[in-house]
């Protein structure tokens, strides 16, 4: 069954022009990206539709965490996605994304977001590394439990088997941690302090 699903749902790099004229598909992909980093997007003081619009503007756009976005389609539907970028550029990209969000906010919203961002950032284990960084991975709610998450991780590993790969995952997301560990990812905790969002690596 897994082989049949894989054969019909290979991941391919999303090109910006594929979604520029398809608003519905762009919105659906934006919602998938939002679900992949719900903790982050929940601190943005904007209505849900504006957050989806913000994410949609960033899909496959240079200098964002979704610049290199890979999408799997199954029976005509976008069922899963992942995005990655050079780990060495992660901090720069995140700063640019934060600035883009701040520019969209007005009045007290800017201060609220910056305060929330500081608290959110304090929960994330720092990462200084070379290699690939998995910035987003999501499976559409109606297709979870069918193996698409494992297929996404396998597709990520196939991009460049010679490179080390890093990612953040919430410590309490045990199902995701187990999935990554199945593919050889290991915890990088080196201090007694346990961050809520920890680094896993495959080196």
N, C-alpha and C. Protein backbone atom coordinates (compact mmCIF):
# COMPACT_ATOMS: atom_id res chain seq x y z
N UNK A 1 0.83 -1.21 0.00
CA UNK A 1 0.00 0.00 0.00
C UNK A 1 0.86 1.26 0.00
N UNK A 2 1.91 1.27 0.86
CA UNK A 2 2.80 2.42 0.91
C UNK A 2 3.44 2.68 -0.44
N UNK A 3 3.88 1.60 -1.14
CA UNK A 3 4.52 1.76 -2.43
C UNK A 3 3.56 2.36 -3.44
N UNK A 4 2.28 1.97 -3.38
CA UNK A 4 1.29 2.50 -4.30
C UNK A 4 1.07 3.99 -4.06
N UNK A 5 1.00 4.38 -2.79
CA UNK A 5 0.83 5.80 -2.46
C UNK A 5 2.03 6.59 -2.95
N UNK A 6 3.23 6.08 -2.69
CA UNK A 6 4.45 6.78 -3.07
C UNK A 6 4.52 6.97 -4.57
N UNK A 7 4.15 5.95 -5.32
CA UNK A 7 4.23 6.03 -6.77
C UNK A 7 3.31 7.11 -7.34
N UNK A 8 2.22 7.41 -6.64
CA UNK A 8 1.26 8.38 -7.14
C UNK A 8 1.39 9.74 -6.47
N UNK A 9 2.39 9.93 -5.62
CA UNK A 9 2.46 11.19 -4.86
C UNK A 9 3.90 11.62 -4.62
N UNK A 10 4.71 11.64 -5.65
CA UNK A 10 6.09 12.06 -5.49
C UNK A 10 6.14 13.56 -5.22
N UNK A 11 7.13 13.97 -4.43
CA UNK A 11 7.30 15.38 -4.11
C UNK A 11 8.03 16.10 -5.23
N UNK A 12 7.58 17.29 -5.55
CA UNK A 12 8.24 18.10 -6.57
C UNK A 12 8.37 19.53 -6.07
N UNK A 13 9.41 20.21 -6.53
CA UNK A 13 9.66 21.58 -6.12
C UNK A 13 8.59 22.50 -6.70
N UNK A 14 7.94 23.25 -5.82
CA UNK A 14 6.86 24.13 -6.25
C UNK A 14 7.44 25.39 -6.89
N UNK A 15 6.96 25.72 -8.07
CA UNK A 15 7.38 26.95 -8.75
C UNK A 15 6.34 28.03 -8.49
N UNK A 16 6.83 29.25 -8.30
CA UNK A 16 5.94 30.36 -7.95
C UNK A 16 4.80 30.52 -8.95
N UNK A 17 5.10 30.34 -10.23
CA UNK A 17 4.07 30.55 -11.24
C UNK A 17 2.95 29.50 -11.16
N UNK A 18 3.20 28.38 -10.52
CA UNK A 18 2.18 27.34 -10.40
C UNK A 18 0.99 27.80 -9.55
N UNK A 19 1.24 28.72 -8.62
CA UNK A 19 0.17 29.15 -7.72
C UNK A 19 -0.20 30.61 -7.91
N UNK A 20 0.53 31.33 -8.77
CA UNK A 20 0.26 32.76 -8.94
C UNK A 20 -1.14 33.03 -9.46
N UNK A 21 -1.67 32.12 -10.27
CA UNK A 21 -3.00 32.32 -10.85
C UNK A 21 -4.04 31.38 -10.25
N UNK A 22 -3.68 30.68 -9.19
CA UNK A 22 -4.59 29.71 -8.56
C UNK A 22 -4.73 30.06 -7.08
N UNK A 23 -5.64 30.98 -6.80
CA UNK A 23 -5.80 31.46 -5.43
C UNK A 23 -6.21 30.38 -4.45
N UNK A 24 -7.06 29.46 -4.88
CA UNK A 24 -7.52 28.40 -3.98
C UNK A 24 -6.37 27.49 -3.58
N UNK A 25 -5.55 27.13 -4.56
CA UNK A 25 -4.42 26.25 -4.24
C UNK A 25 -3.42 26.98 -3.34
N UNK A 26 -3.19 28.25 -3.62
CA UNK A 26 -2.27 29.03 -2.79
C UNK A 26 -2.77 29.09 -1.35
N UNK A 27 -4.07 29.30 -1.17
CA UNK A 27 -4.64 29.36 0.17
C UNK A 27 -4.53 28.02 0.89
N UNK A 28 -4.76 26.94 0.16
CA UNK A 28 -4.67 25.60 0.77
C UNK A 28 -3.24 25.29 1.20
N UNK A 29 -2.28 25.65 0.35
CA UNK A 29 -0.87 25.42 0.72
C UNK A 29 -0.47 26.32 1.88
N UNK A 30 -0.95 27.55 1.88
CA UNK A 30 -0.65 28.46 2.99
C UNK A 30 -1.18 27.91 4.30
N UNK A 31 -2.37 27.31 4.27
CA UNK A 31 -2.93 26.72 5.48
C UNK A 31 -2.09 25.53 5.95
N UNK A 32 -1.58 24.73 5.01
CA UNK A 32 -0.71 23.62 5.38
C UNK A 32 0.57 24.13 6.04
N UNK A 33 1.15 25.18 5.48
CA UNK A 33 2.35 25.78 6.07
C UNK A 33 2.05 26.31 7.46
N UNK A 34 0.89 26.94 7.63
CA UNK A 34 0.50 27.46 8.95
C UNK A 34 0.41 26.33 9.97
N UNK A 35 -0.19 25.21 9.56
CA UNK A 35 -0.31 24.07 10.47
C UNK A 35 1.05 23.49 10.83
N UNK A 36 2.02 23.64 9.93
CA UNK A 36 3.36 23.10 10.18
C UNK A 36 4.11 23.89 11.24
N UNK A 37 3.71 25.13 11.48
CA UNK A 37 4.40 25.97 12.48
C UNK A 37 3.35 26.77 13.24
N UNK A 38 2.38 26.07 13.80
CA UNK A 38 1.24 26.71 14.44
C UNK A 38 1.66 27.58 15.62
N UNK A 39 2.66 27.14 16.37
CA UNK A 39 3.11 27.92 17.53
C UNK A 39 3.58 29.31 17.11
N UNK A 40 4.28 29.37 15.98
CA UNK A 40 4.78 30.66 15.50
C UNK A 40 3.66 31.53 14.95
N UNK A 41 2.87 30.98 14.05
CA UNK A 41 1.85 31.81 13.40
C UNK A 41 0.76 32.25 14.37
N UNK A 42 0.60 31.53 15.48
CA UNK A 42 -0.43 31.91 16.44
C UNK A 42 -0.08 33.18 17.21
N UNK A 43 1.18 33.61 17.17
CA UNK A 43 1.56 34.83 17.89
C UNK A 43 1.42 36.08 17.03
N UNK A 44 1.07 35.91 15.76
CA UNK A 44 0.90 37.06 14.88
C UNK A 44 -0.50 37.64 15.11
N UNK A 45 -0.61 38.89 15.54
CA UNK A 45 -1.92 39.47 15.87
C UNK A 45 -2.68 39.94 14.61
N UNK A 46 -3.01 38.97 13.76
CA UNK A 46 -3.78 39.24 12.55
C UNK A 46 -4.88 38.19 12.42
N UNK A 47 -5.97 38.51 11.75
CA UNK A 47 -7.00 37.50 11.49
C UNK A 47 -6.44 36.35 10.67
N UNK A 48 -7.07 35.19 10.78
CA UNK A 48 -6.56 33.99 10.13
C UNK A 48 -6.40 34.16 8.63
N UNK A 49 -7.36 34.84 7.98
CA UNK A 49 -7.26 34.98 6.52
C UNK A 49 -6.11 35.87 6.12
N UNK A 50 -5.75 36.85 6.96
CA UNK A 50 -4.61 37.71 6.65
C UNK A 50 -3.30 36.96 6.86
N UNK A 51 -3.25 36.06 7.83
CA UNK A 51 -2.06 35.26 8.04
C UNK A 51 -1.86 34.32 6.85
N UNK A 52 -2.94 33.72 6.37
CA UNK A 52 -2.83 32.86 5.18
C UNK A 52 -2.35 33.66 3.97
N UNK A 53 -2.82 34.89 3.84
CA UNK A 53 -2.39 35.76 2.75
C UNK A 53 -0.90 36.06 2.87
N UNK A 54 -0.46 36.34 4.09
CA UNK A 54 0.95 36.62 4.35
C UNK A 54 1.81 35.42 3.98
N UNK A 55 1.38 34.24 4.40
CA UNK A 55 2.12 33.02 4.08
C UNK A 55 2.10 32.77 2.58
N UNK A 56 0.94 32.97 1.95
CA UNK A 56 0.84 32.77 0.51
C UNK A 56 1.79 33.64 -0.28
N UNK A 57 2.01 34.86 0.19
CA UNK A 57 2.95 35.76 -0.48
C UNK A 57 4.38 35.25 -0.39
N UNK A 58 4.66 34.43 0.63
CA UNK A 58 6.02 33.96 0.86
C UNK A 58 6.31 32.61 0.19
N UNK A 59 5.27 31.90 -0.25
CA UNK A 59 5.49 30.58 -0.82
C UNK A 59 6.42 30.66 -2.04
N UNK A 60 7.47 29.85 -2.02
CA UNK A 60 8.43 29.78 -3.12
C UNK A 60 9.07 31.13 -3.43
N UNK A 61 9.10 32.03 -2.45
CA UNK A 61 9.71 33.35 -2.64
C UNK A 61 11.11 33.38 -2.02
N UNK A 62 12.07 34.01 -2.70
CA UNK A 62 13.45 34.07 -2.18
C UNK A 62 13.52 34.71 -0.80
N UNK A 63 14.42 34.20 0.03
CA UNK A 63 14.65 34.78 1.34
C UNK A 63 13.62 34.43 2.39
N UNK A 64 12.83 33.38 2.16
CA UNK A 64 11.84 32.94 3.15
C UNK A 64 12.10 31.49 3.51
N UNK A 65 11.44 31.03 4.58
CA UNK A 65 11.61 29.65 5.00
C UNK A 65 10.90 28.67 4.07
N UNK A 66 10.10 29.18 3.16
CA UNK A 66 9.42 28.31 2.18
C UNK A 66 9.90 28.59 0.76
N UNK A 67 11.11 29.12 0.65
CA UNK A 67 11.66 29.38 -0.69
C UNK A 67 11.76 28.09 -1.50
N UNK A 68 12.24 27.03 -0.86
CA UNK A 68 12.36 25.73 -1.51
C UNK A 68 11.27 24.82 -0.93
N UNK A 69 10.11 24.86 -1.56
CA UNK A 69 8.93 24.17 -1.06
C UNK A 69 8.62 22.98 -1.97
N UNK A 70 8.58 21.80 -1.36
CA UNK A 70 8.29 20.57 -2.10
C UNK A 70 6.90 20.09 -1.71
N UNK A 71 6.11 19.76 -2.73
CA UNK A 71 4.70 19.41 -2.51
C UNK A 71 4.39 18.07 -3.15
N UNK A 72 3.62 17.26 -2.44
CA UNK A 72 3.14 15.99 -2.99
C UNK A 72 1.66 16.10 -3.29
N UNK A 73 1.30 15.69 -4.49
CA UNK A 73 -0.11 15.66 -4.88
C UNK A 73 -0.56 14.20 -4.98
N UNK A 74 -1.76 13.95 -4.50
CA UNK A 74 -2.32 12.60 -4.53
C UNK A 74 -3.77 12.70 -4.95
N UNK A 75 -4.09 12.09 -6.06
CA UNK A 75 -5.45 12.13 -6.60
C UNK A 75 -5.93 13.57 -6.76
N UNK A 76 -5.04 14.43 -7.29
CA UNK A 76 -5.38 15.81 -7.59
C UNK A 76 -5.38 16.76 -6.42
N UNK A 77 -4.93 16.33 -5.28
CA UNK A 77 -4.95 17.15 -4.06
C UNK A 77 -3.54 17.28 -3.49
N UNK A 78 -3.23 18.50 -2.99
CA UNK A 78 -1.96 18.70 -2.28
C UNK A 78 -2.11 18.07 -0.90
N UNK A 79 -1.40 16.97 -0.67
CA UNK A 79 -1.61 16.22 0.58
C UNK A 79 -0.49 16.42 1.59
N UNK A 80 0.69 16.85 1.14
CA UNK A 80 1.80 17.00 2.08
C UNK A 80 2.83 17.94 1.47
N UNK A 81 3.62 18.53 2.33
CA UNK A 81 4.68 19.43 1.86
C UNK A 81 5.82 19.45 2.86
N UNK A 82 6.98 19.85 2.38
CA UNK A 82 8.10 20.19 3.26
C UNK A 82 8.93 21.25 2.58
N UNK A 83 9.65 22.01 3.37
CA UNK A 83 10.54 23.04 2.84
C UNK A 83 11.85 22.98 3.60
N UNK A 84 12.91 23.37 2.92
CA UNK A 84 14.23 23.34 3.54
C UNK A 84 15.06 24.50 3.01
N UNK A 85 16.13 24.81 3.74
CA UNK A 85 17.03 25.88 3.38
C UNK A 85 18.39 25.60 4.02
N UNK A 86 19.44 26.28 3.58
CA UNK A 86 20.74 26.08 4.23
C UNK A 86 20.67 26.47 5.71
N UNK A 87 21.14 25.58 6.57
CA UNK A 87 21.06 25.84 8.01
C UNK A 87 21.82 27.10 8.39
N UNK A 88 22.90 27.39 7.68
CA UNK A 88 23.72 28.55 8.02
C UNK A 88 22.98 29.86 7.80
N UNK A 89 21.96 29.86 6.97
CA UNK A 89 21.21 31.08 6.69
C UNK A 89 19.92 31.21 7.46
N UNK A 90 19.67 30.29 8.39
CA UNK A 90 18.39 30.25 9.09
C UNK A 90 18.09 31.53 9.86
N UNK A 91 19.05 32.01 10.65
CA UNK A 91 18.81 33.20 11.47
C UNK A 91 18.51 34.42 10.59
N UNK A 92 19.25 34.57 9.50
CA UNK A 92 19.02 35.72 8.61
C UNK A 92 17.61 35.66 8.01
N UNK A 93 17.21 34.48 7.55
CA UNK A 93 15.88 34.34 6.95
C UNK A 93 14.79 34.63 7.98
N UNK A 94 14.96 34.13 9.18
CA UNK A 94 13.95 34.37 10.22
C UNK A 94 13.85 35.85 10.57
N UNK A 95 14.97 36.55 10.58
CA UNK A 95 14.92 38.00 10.84
C UNK A 95 14.14 38.71 9.73
N UNK A 96 14.40 38.32 8.49
CA UNK A 96 13.70 38.94 7.36
C UNK A 96 12.21 38.67 7.41
N UNK A 97 11.84 37.45 7.77
CA UNK A 97 10.42 37.11 7.87
C UNK A 97 9.76 37.92 8.99
N UNK A 98 10.44 38.05 10.12
CA UNK A 98 9.89 38.83 11.23
C UNK A 98 9.71 40.30 10.83
N UNK A 99 10.66 40.84 10.10
CA UNK A 99 10.55 42.23 9.65
C UNK A 99 9.38 42.40 8.68
N UNK A 100 9.19 41.41 7.81
CA UNK A 100 8.06 41.46 6.88
C UNK A 100 6.74 41.49 7.63
N UNK A 101 6.64 40.68 8.68
CA UNK A 101 5.41 40.65 9.48
C UNK A 101 5.21 41.98 10.20
N UNK A 102 6.28 42.52 10.77
CA UNK A 102 6.18 43.80 11.50
C UNK A 102 5.68 44.90 10.58
N UNK A 103 6.15 44.89 9.33
CA UNK A 103 5.72 45.92 8.37
C UNK A 103 4.23 45.81 8.06
N UNK A 104 3.65 44.62 8.22
CA UNK A 104 2.22 44.43 7.95
C UNK A 104 1.35 44.85 9.13
N UNK A 105 1.96 44.99 10.29
CA UNK A 105 1.20 45.31 11.50
C UNK A 105 1.11 46.81 11.72
N UNK A 106 0.13 47.19 12.49
CA UNK A 106 -0.07 48.60 12.77
C UNK A 106 -0.22 48.82 14.27
N UNK A 107 0.17 50.00 14.71
CA UNK A 107 -0.04 50.42 16.09
C UNK A 107 0.48 49.43 17.12
N UNK A 108 -0.39 49.12 18.08
CA UNK A 108 0.00 48.25 19.18
C UNK A 108 0.31 46.84 18.72
N UNK A 109 -0.16 46.47 17.55
CA UNK A 109 0.10 45.13 17.04
C UNK A 109 1.59 44.84 16.88
N UNK A 110 2.37 45.86 16.51
CA UNK A 110 3.81 45.66 16.35
C UNK A 110 4.46 45.31 17.68
N UNK A 111 4.13 46.09 18.71
CA UNK A 111 4.72 45.84 20.03
C UNK A 111 4.28 44.49 20.58
N UNK A 112 3.00 44.15 20.37
CA UNK A 112 2.49 42.86 20.84
C UNK A 112 3.24 41.71 20.18
N UNK A 113 3.42 41.82 18.87
CA UNK A 113 4.12 40.75 18.15
C UNK A 113 5.58 40.64 18.60
N UNK A 114 6.27 41.75 18.76
CA UNK A 114 7.68 41.72 19.14
C UNK A 114 7.85 41.11 20.53
N UNK A 115 6.94 41.43 21.45
CA UNK A 115 7.00 40.84 22.80
C UNK A 115 6.75 39.34 22.74
N UNK A 116 5.75 38.94 21.96
CA UNK A 116 5.43 37.51 21.82
C UNK A 116 6.56 36.78 21.12
N UNK A 117 7.19 37.43 20.15
CA UNK A 117 8.28 36.80 19.42
C UNK A 117 9.48 36.54 20.34
N UNK A 118 9.74 37.46 21.24
CA UNK A 118 10.84 37.25 22.20
C UNK A 118 10.57 36.04 23.09
N UNK A 119 9.35 35.94 23.57
CA UNK A 119 8.99 34.79 24.42
C UNK A 119 9.06 33.49 23.61
N UNK A 120 8.55 33.53 22.39
CA UNK A 120 8.56 32.34 21.53
C UNK A 120 9.99 31.91 21.22
N UNK A 121 10.85 32.87 20.89
CA UNK A 121 12.24 32.56 20.55
C UNK A 121 12.99 31.93 21.71
N UNK A 122 12.62 32.30 22.93
CA UNK A 122 13.30 31.76 24.11
C UNK A 122 13.00 30.29 24.32
N UNK A 123 11.97 29.76 23.64
CA UNK A 123 11.62 28.34 23.80
C UNK A 123 12.33 27.45 22.77
N UNK A 124 13.07 28.07 21.85
CA UNK A 124 13.67 27.33 20.74
C UNK A 124 15.16 27.11 20.98
N UNK A 125 15.59 25.88 20.89
CA UNK A 125 17.00 25.55 21.06
C UNK A 125 17.83 26.20 19.95
N UNK A 126 18.88 26.95 20.30
CA UNK A 126 19.73 27.58 19.28
C UNK A 126 20.38 26.53 18.38
N UNK A 127 20.62 26.93 17.14
CA UNK A 127 21.25 26.04 16.18
C UNK A 127 22.30 26.80 15.39
N UNK A 128 23.53 26.32 15.47
CA UNK A 128 24.62 26.84 14.64
C UNK A 128 25.21 25.65 13.92
N UNK A 129 24.96 25.56 12.62
CA UNK A 129 25.36 24.35 11.90
C UNK A 129 25.41 24.62 10.40
N UNK A 130 26.10 23.74 9.69
CA UNK A 130 26.09 23.73 8.24
C UNK A 130 25.30 22.51 7.80
N UNK A 131 24.66 22.62 6.66
CA UNK A 131 23.87 21.51 6.15
C UNK A 131 22.50 22.01 5.75
N UNK A 132 21.53 21.13 5.70
CA UNK A 132 20.16 21.48 5.36
C UNK A 132 19.33 21.62 6.63
N UNK A 133 18.40 22.55 6.60
CA UNK A 133 17.48 22.73 7.72
C UNK A 133 16.06 22.52 7.22
N UNK A 134 15.34 21.60 7.85
CA UNK A 134 13.94 21.35 7.52
C UNK A 134 13.09 22.40 8.23
N UNK A 135 12.56 23.35 7.48
CA UNK A 135 11.84 24.47 8.10
C UNK A 135 10.34 24.21 8.26
N UNK A 136 9.77 23.39 7.38
CA UNK A 136 8.35 23.08 7.48
C UNK A 136 8.12 21.65 6.99
N UNK A 137 7.19 20.97 7.63
CA UNK A 137 6.70 19.67 7.14
C UNK A 137 5.27 19.53 7.63
N UNK A 138 4.37 19.26 6.71
CA UNK A 138 2.96 19.13 7.09
C UNK A 138 2.25 18.16 6.18
N UNK A 139 1.26 17.50 6.75
CA UNK A 139 0.36 16.62 6.01
C UNK A 139 -1.05 17.16 6.22
N UNK A 140 -1.83 17.22 5.16
CA UNK A 140 -3.19 17.75 5.29
C UNK A 140 -3.98 16.91 6.29
N UNK A 141 -4.84 17.55 7.09
CA UNK A 141 -5.56 16.83 8.16
C UNK A 141 -6.28 15.57 7.69
N UNK A 142 -6.87 15.60 6.50
CA UNK A 142 -7.61 14.45 6.02
C UNK A 142 -6.76 13.31 5.52
N UNK A 143 -5.45 13.52 5.47
CA UNK A 143 -4.55 12.49 4.94
C UNK A 143 -3.50 12.03 5.95
N UNK A 144 -3.70 12.38 7.20
CA UNK A 144 -2.77 11.93 8.23
C UNK A 144 -2.98 10.46 8.55
N UNK A 145 -1.90 9.81 8.98
CA UNK A 145 -1.99 8.40 9.30
C UNK A 145 -1.88 7.49 8.10
N UNK A 146 -1.54 8.05 6.93
CA UNK A 146 -1.44 7.26 5.71
C UNK A 146 0.00 7.09 5.22
N UNK A 147 0.94 7.59 6.00
CA UNK A 147 2.34 7.42 5.62
C UNK A 147 2.95 8.58 4.87
N UNK A 148 2.19 9.66 4.65
CA UNK A 148 2.73 10.78 3.89
C UNK A 148 3.85 11.51 4.63
N UNK A 149 3.79 11.54 5.97
CA UNK A 149 4.86 12.16 6.74
C UNK A 149 6.17 11.43 6.53
N UNK A 150 6.14 10.11 6.57
CA UNK A 150 7.34 9.31 6.34
C UNK A 150 7.85 9.49 4.92
N UNK A 151 6.93 9.57 3.96
CA UNK A 151 7.33 9.79 2.57
C UNK A 151 8.03 11.15 2.43
N UNK A 152 7.52 12.16 3.14
CA UNK A 152 8.13 13.48 3.09
C UNK A 152 9.56 13.46 3.64
N UNK A 153 9.74 12.79 4.78
CA UNK A 153 11.09 12.71 5.36
C UNK A 153 12.03 11.96 4.42
N UNK A 154 11.56 10.87 3.83
CA UNK A 154 12.38 10.12 2.88
C UNK A 154 12.76 10.98 1.68
N UNK A 155 11.81 11.79 1.19
CA UNK A 155 12.10 12.67 0.06
C UNK A 155 13.13 13.73 0.44
N UNK A 156 13.04 14.24 1.67
CA UNK A 156 14.03 15.21 2.16
C UNK A 156 15.42 14.59 2.16
N UNK A 157 15.54 13.38 2.66
CA UNK A 157 16.84 12.73 2.74
C UNK A 157 17.42 12.46 1.36
N UNK A 158 16.57 12.29 0.37
CA UNK A 158 17.02 12.03 -0.99
C UNK A 158 17.55 13.27 -1.70
N UNK A 159 17.25 14.46 -1.17
CA UNK A 159 17.67 15.69 -1.85
C UNK A 159 19.18 15.76 -1.99
N UNK A 160 19.89 15.48 -0.91
CA UNK A 160 21.36 15.49 -0.92
C UNK A 160 21.84 14.60 0.22
N UNK A 161 22.00 13.30 -0.05
CA UNK A 161 22.38 12.35 1.01
C UNK A 161 23.70 12.68 1.69
N UNK A 162 24.52 13.52 1.06
CA UNK A 162 25.83 13.82 1.64
C UNK A 162 25.77 14.90 2.71
N UNK A 163 24.65 15.62 2.81
CA UNK A 163 24.56 16.74 3.74
C UNK A 163 23.95 16.35 5.07
N UNK A 164 24.43 16.98 6.13
CA UNK A 164 23.80 16.86 7.44
C UNK A 164 22.45 17.58 7.39
N UNK A 165 21.49 17.09 8.14
CA UNK A 165 20.15 17.68 8.15
C UNK A 165 19.74 17.97 9.59
N UNK A 166 19.12 19.13 9.78
CA UNK A 166 18.71 19.57 11.11
C UNK A 166 17.26 20.03 11.06
N UNK A 167 16.61 19.98 12.21
CA UNK A 167 15.22 20.46 12.30
C UNK A 167 14.91 20.76 13.76
N UNK A 168 13.85 21.55 13.95
CA UNK A 168 13.29 21.77 15.28
C UNK A 168 11.97 21.02 15.39
N UNK A 169 11.72 20.46 16.55
CA UNK A 169 10.45 19.79 16.80
C UNK A 169 10.10 19.99 18.27
N UNK A 170 8.82 20.17 18.54
CA UNK A 170 8.42 20.32 19.93
C UNK A 170 8.69 19.03 20.69
N UNK A 171 9.24 19.19 21.86
CA UNK A 171 9.62 18.05 22.69
C UNK A 171 8.40 17.18 23.04
N UNK A 172 7.23 17.81 23.16
CA UNK A 172 6.04 17.06 23.54
C UNK A 172 5.29 16.47 22.33
N UNK A 173 5.81 16.71 21.13
CA UNK A 173 5.20 16.12 19.93
C UNK A 173 5.82 14.74 19.70
N UNK A 174 5.41 13.80 20.53
CA UNK A 174 6.08 12.49 20.55
C UNK A 174 5.94 11.73 19.24
N UNK A 175 4.83 11.88 18.54
CA UNK A 175 4.66 11.15 17.28
C UNK A 175 5.64 11.65 16.23
N UNK A 176 5.86 12.98 16.18
CA UNK A 176 6.82 13.54 15.23
C UNK A 176 8.24 13.13 15.61
N UNK A 177 8.55 13.18 16.90
CA UNK A 177 9.90 12.79 17.34
C UNK A 177 10.19 11.34 16.95
N UNK A 178 9.22 10.47 17.16
CA UNK A 178 9.40 9.05 16.81
C UNK A 178 9.58 8.87 15.31
N UNK A 179 8.84 9.65 14.52
CA UNK A 179 8.98 9.56 13.06
C UNK A 179 10.40 9.93 12.65
N UNK A 180 10.90 11.04 13.15
CA UNK A 180 12.26 11.47 12.77
C UNK A 180 13.30 10.48 13.27
N UNK A 181 13.11 9.95 14.47
CA UNK A 181 14.08 8.99 15.00
C UNK A 181 14.12 7.72 14.16
N UNK A 182 13.00 7.35 13.57
CA UNK A 182 12.99 6.19 12.67
C UNK A 182 13.93 6.37 11.49
N UNK A 183 14.15 7.63 11.10
CA UNK A 183 15.02 7.93 9.97
C UNK A 183 16.43 8.33 10.40
N UNK A 184 16.77 8.07 11.65
CA UNK A 184 18.13 8.29 12.10
C UNK A 184 18.42 9.63 12.72
N UNK A 185 17.41 10.46 12.95
CA UNK A 185 17.62 11.75 13.61
C UNK A 185 17.83 11.53 15.11
N UNK A 186 18.70 12.36 15.69
CA UNK A 186 19.00 12.25 17.11
C UNK A 186 18.94 13.62 17.78
N UNK A 187 18.66 13.61 19.07
CA UNK A 187 18.59 14.85 19.84
C UNK A 187 19.97 15.47 19.97
N UNK A 188 19.99 16.82 19.97
CA UNK A 188 21.25 17.54 20.10
C UNK A 188 21.36 18.28 21.43
N UNK A 189 20.60 17.87 22.43
CA UNK A 189 20.67 18.52 23.74
C UNK A 189 22.08 18.42 24.31
N UNK A 190 22.65 19.56 24.66
CA UNK A 190 23.99 19.56 25.24
C UNK A 190 24.04 20.30 26.57
N UNK A 191 22.87 20.72 27.05
CA UNK A 191 22.81 21.43 28.33
C UNK A 191 21.73 20.79 29.19
N UNK A 192 21.70 21.15 30.44
CA UNK A 192 20.68 20.64 31.35
C UNK A 192 19.32 21.27 31.07
N UNK A 193 19.35 22.47 30.44
CA UNK A 193 18.08 23.14 30.16
C UNK A 193 17.42 22.49 28.95
N UNK A 194 16.14 22.18 29.08
CA UNK A 194 15.42 21.54 27.99
C UNK A 194 14.48 22.55 27.33
N UNK A 195 14.81 22.90 26.08
CA UNK A 195 13.97 23.82 25.31
C UNK A 195 12.69 23.10 24.89
N UNK A 196 11.59 23.86 24.83
CA UNK A 196 10.32 23.27 24.39
C UNK A 196 10.42 22.78 22.94
N UNK A 197 11.17 23.54 22.13
CA UNK A 197 11.40 23.16 20.73
C UNK A 197 12.87 22.78 20.59
N UNK A 198 13.13 21.50 20.41
CA UNK A 198 14.51 21.01 20.43
C UNK A 198 15.00 20.69 19.02
N UNK A 199 16.32 20.62 18.90
CA UNK A 199 16.95 20.30 17.63
C UNK A 199 17.16 18.81 17.50
N UNK A 200 16.79 18.26 16.34
CA UNK A 200 17.16 16.91 15.97
C UNK A 200 18.10 17.00 14.78
N UNK A 201 19.06 16.11 14.72
CA UNK A 201 20.02 16.14 13.61
C UNK A 201 20.23 14.74 13.05
N UNK A 202 20.59 14.71 11.79
CA UNK A 202 20.97 13.47 11.12
C UNK A 202 22.29 13.75 10.41
N UNK A 203 23.37 13.28 11.00
CA UNK A 203 24.70 13.61 10.50
C UNK A 203 25.47 12.35 10.13
